[in-house]
Each structure stands twice: as C-alpha cells, then as structure tokens.
C-alpha atoms as a PDB file:
ATOM      1  CA  MET A   1      99.612 125.651 109.211  1.00  0.00           C
ATOM      2  CA  MET A   2      98.258 121.388 107.780  1.00  0.00           C
ATOM      3  CA  VAL A   3      97.853 121.034 104.951  1.00  0.00           C
ATOM      4  CA  ARG A   4      95.191 118.303 103.315  1.00  0.00           C
ATOM      5  CA  THR A   5      96.166 115.904 101.356  1.00  0.00           C
ATOM      6  CA  PRO A   6      93.258 115.415  98.312  1.00  0.00           C
ATOM      7  CA  VAL A   7      90.745 111.927  98.990  1.00  0.00           C
ATOM      8  CA  ASP A   8      89.775 109.224  97.037  1.00  0.00           C
ATOM      9  CA  LEU A   9      85.834 109.376  97.436  1.00  0.00           C
ATOM     10  CA  LEU A  10      85.054 107.105  95.420  1.00  0.00           C
ATOM     11  CA  ALA A  11      87.929 104.588  96.675  1.00  0.00           C
ATOM     12  CA  THR A  12      86.881 106.002 100.326  1.00  0.00           C
ATOM     13  CA  THR A  13      83.137 104.823  99.037  1.00  0.00           C
ATOM     14  CA  ARG A  14      83.953 101.695  98.006  1.00  0.00           C
ATOM     15  CA  ASP A  15      85.842 100.644 100.831  1.00  0.00           C
ATOM     16  CA  VAL A  16      82.693 102.304 103.187  1.00  0.00           C
ATOM     17  CA  LYS A  17      80.448 100.083 101.492  1.00  0.00           C
ATOM     18  CA  LEU A  18      82.156  96.486 101.337  1.00  0.00           C
ATOM     19  CA  ARG A  19      83.505  97.168 105.269  1.00  0.00           C
ATOM     20  CA  ILE A  20      79.140  97.528 105.891  1.00  0.00           C
ATOM     21  CA  GLN A  21      78.675  94.630 103.449  1.00  0.00           C
ATOM     22  CA  ARG A  22      80.611  92.060 105.588  1.00  0.00           C
ATOM     23  CA  VAL A  23      79.292  93.995 109.193  1.00  0.00           C
ATOM     24  CA  ILE A  24      75.759  92.794 106.949  1.00  0.00           C
ATOM     25  CA  GLY A  25      76.741  89.065 106.203  1.00  0.00           C
ATOM     26  CA  GLU A  26      78.144  88.662 109.835  1.00  0.00           C
ATOM     27  CA  LEU A  27      75.402  89.830 111.254  1.00  0.00           C
ATOM     28  CA  GLU A  28      72.828  87.849 109.499  1.00  0.00           C
ATOM     29  CA  ASP A  29      75.226  84.585 109.654  1.00  0.00           C
ATOM     30  CA  ILE A  30      74.179  85.080 113.683  1.00  0.00           C
ATOM     31  CA  GLU A  31      70.878  86.242 112.946  1.00  0.00           C
ATOM     32  CA  GLN A  32      70.040  83.117 110.804  1.00  0.00           C
ATOM     33  CA  GLN A  33      71.349  80.401 113.793  1.00  0.00           C
ATOM     34  CA  GLN A  34      68.566  78.091 115.056  1.00  0.00           C
ATOM     35  CA  ASP A  35      69.304  77.286 117.711  1.00  0.00           C
ATOM     36  CA  PRO A  36      67.002  79.213 120.917  1.00  0.00           C
ATOM     37  CA  VAL A  37      71.140  79.688 123.159  1.00  0.00           C
ATOM     38  CA  PHE A  38      73.963  79.729 121.137  1.00  0.00           C
ATOM     39  CA  ALA A  39      75.773  76.801 120.524  1.00  0.00           C
ATOM     40  CA  GLN A  40      79.728  78.939 120.191  1.00  0.00           C
ATOM     41  CA  PRO A  41      79.380  81.825 121.942  1.00  0.00           C
ATOM     42  CA  ARG A  42      82.719  82.906 121.754  1.00  0.00           C
ATOM     43  CA  ASP A  43      82.735  82.547 117.427  1.00  0.00           C
ATOM     44  CA  VAL A  44      79.435  84.503 118.814  1.00  0.00           C
ATOM     45  CA  PHE A  45      81.540  87.712 120.175  1.00  0.00           C
ATOM     46  CA  LEU A  46      83.860  87.731 117.890  1.00  0.00           C
ATOM     47  CA  ASP A  47      81.747  88.230 114.914  1.00  0.00           C
ATOM     48  CA  LEU A  48      79.767  90.914 116.693  1.00  0.00           C
ATOM     49  CA  HIS A  49      83.663  92.367 118.191  1.00  0.00           C
ATOM     50  CA  LEU A  50      84.707  92.352 114.641  1.00  0.00           C
ATOM     51  CA  ALA A  51      81.589  93.640 112.695  1.00  0.00           C
ATOM     52  CA  ALA A  52      81.390  96.862 115.422  1.00  0.00           C
ATOM     53  CA  HIS A  53      85.101  96.945 114.356  1.00  0.00           C
ATOM     54  CA  GLN A  54      84.976  97.242 111.055  1.00  0.00           C
ATOM     55  CA  LEU A  55      81.878  99.674 111.950  1.00  0.00           C
ATOM     56  CA  GLU A  56      85.104 101.764 113.811  1.00  0.00           C
ATOM     57  CA  VAL A  57      86.267 101.915 111.059  1.00  0.00           C
ATOM     58  CA  ALA A  58      84.329 102.677 108.495  1.00  0.00           C
ATOM     59  CA  ILE A  59      82.985 105.702 110.449  1.00  0.00           C
ATOM     60  CA  ALA A  60      86.700 106.767 110.406  1.00  0.00           C
ATOM     61  CA  ARG A  61      87.268 106.547 106.651  1.00  0.00           C
ATOM     62  CA  MET A  62      84.178 108.612 106.814  1.00  0.00           C
ATOM     63  CA  ARG A  63      84.732 111.679 108.676  1.00  0.00           C
ATOM     64  CA  GLY A  64      88.651 111.686 107.169  1.00  0.00           C
ATOM     65  CA  ALA A  65      87.752 112.085 103.961  1.00  0.00           C
ATOM     66  CA  TRP A  66      85.156 114.554 104.542  1.00  0.00           C
ATOM     67  CA  TRP A  67      85.396 116.102 106.914  1.00  0.00           C
ATOM     68  CA  PRO A  68      89.088 117.498 108.143  1.00  0.00           C
END
C-alpha cells in the first residue's frame, strides 16, 4: 500500500500562481510587439516553449497536490 506524503497546499498554490504570472508576462511581451512579422522568431518560439513548460509544471503540481 502506498503512503501519500502530506502536501503543503499553500506553498503549492503560491508556486502555481507564480508560474502563471511568469507565463502571462511572457505572453504579454510577445503580444505587445509592434512588428508585423516577428523580428526574432527564435526568441518568440523559445518564449512560447518556456511558457508551455511552465504551464505543464503548474498542472503537474496541481495534480500531485489535489489528486493522488
């Protein structure tokens, strides 16, 4: 039988919120670019990829904290 270790829900919530704030900031930076075509498409791609990774980590943290 697996024993579930206690999870600090406050810390998990803080971490998830910080990750979401980072994602919003990264996406706002992309959205506010005035160029009709991305001047630095590689940078935009990396920002999108990192934002997606942050969301995946936030989802995993939530899943681990609230659903065993």
